[in-house]
Protein backbone atom coordinates (compact mmCIF):
# COMPACT_ATOMS: atom_id res chain seq x y z
CA MET A 1 -51.99 98.98 -37.36
CA ALA A 2 -48.41 100.04 -37.27
CA VAL A 3 -45.25 98.20 -37.84
CA THR A 4 -42.37 98.43 -35.54
CA ILE A 5 -38.99 97.96 -36.38
CA SER A 6 -36.35 98.03 -33.61
CA ILE A 7 -32.81 97.83 -34.07
CA GLU A 8 -30.61 97.05 -30.92
CA LEU A 9 -26.42 97.28 -31.39
CA SER A 10 -23.72 96.43 -29.02
CA ASP A 11 -21.65 99.24 -27.81
CA ALA A 12 -18.87 97.96 -30.25
CA GLU A 13 -21.19 97.95 -33.16
CA PHE A 14 -22.57 101.63 -32.35
CA VAL A 15 -18.70 102.91 -32.25
CA VAL A 16 -18.25 101.38 -35.60
CA ILE A 17 -21.37 103.43 -37.01
CA GLN A 18 -20.31 106.49 -35.56
CA ALA A 19 -16.76 105.96 -37.30
CA ALA A 20 -18.45 105.44 -40.82
CA TYR A 21 -20.85 108.18 -40.60
CA ALA A 22 -18.37 110.60 -39.20
CA SER A 23 -15.79 109.45 -42.39
CA THR A 24 -18.55 110.63 -44.82
CA ASP A 25 -18.72 114.34 -43.41
CA SER A 26 -15.39 116.32 -42.35
CA ASP A 27 -17.22 118.81 -40.33
CA VAL A 28 -18.23 116.04 -37.75
CA THR A 29 -16.36 113.85 -35.18
CA SER A 30 -17.43 110.23 -34.11
CA SER A 31 -18.99 112.08 -30.90
CA ASP A 32 -21.23 114.09 -32.94
CA ILE A 33 -23.15 111.03 -34.06
CA THR A 34 -25.49 109.96 -31.27
CA ALA A 35 -28.19 107.72 -31.64
CA ALA A 36 -30.63 110.28 -32.60
CA VAL A 37 -28.63 111.22 -35.57
CA VAL A 38 -28.04 107.69 -36.61
CA LYS A 39 -31.85 107.09 -36.00
CA ALA A 40 -32.48 110.38 -38.45
CA LYS A 41 -30.09 109.14 -40.94
CA LEU A 42 -31.81 105.90 -41.29
CA ILE A 43 -35.18 107.86 -41.48
CA ASN A 44 -33.62 109.89 -44.40
CA GLU A 45 -32.35 106.74 -46.04
CA LEU A 46 -35.59 104.92 -46.45
CA THR A 47 -37.54 108.09 -47.04
CA THR A 48 -35.16 108.60 -50.28
CA ILE A 49 -35.39 104.86 -51.35
CA VAL A 50 -39.17 105.17 -51.18
CA ALA A 51 -39.21 108.38 -53.10
CA LYS A 52 -37.12 106.96 -55.63
CA TYR A 53 -39.53 104.17 -55.95
CA ASP A 54 -42.49 106.20 -56.10
CA LYS A 55 -40.96 108.12 -58.61
CA GLN A 56 -39.97 105.20 -60.89
CA ARG A 57 -43.71 103.91 -60.91
CA GLN A 58 -45.13 106.98 -62.34
CA THR A 59 -45.88 107.04 -65.87
CA ILE A 60 -46.20 109.80 -68.48
CA ALA A 61 -49.24 109.52 -70.39
CA GLN A 62 -48.80 110.27 -73.94
CA SER A 63 -51.00 113.27 -75.25
CA SER A 64 -52.45 112.42 -78.76
CA PHE A 65 -52.24 116.23 -79.44
CA SER A 66 -50.92 116.98 -82.87
CA PRO A 67 -51.61 120.40 -84.09
CA SER A 68 -51.11 121.56 -87.66
């Protein structure tokens, strides 16, 4: 079973998101930020959060190896 997350934005809200993302990259304008771009950025942010979480959960086993 999969969980579906849907986000619905008003046109005014989407304009704000476009401006916010465009402000983080001087190579793009608001019109370059499409719904597909926003979706990709959100997926990337979620992926980054999970990767960071996974890395924090890893433990390093200390070896008892002690050469003389």
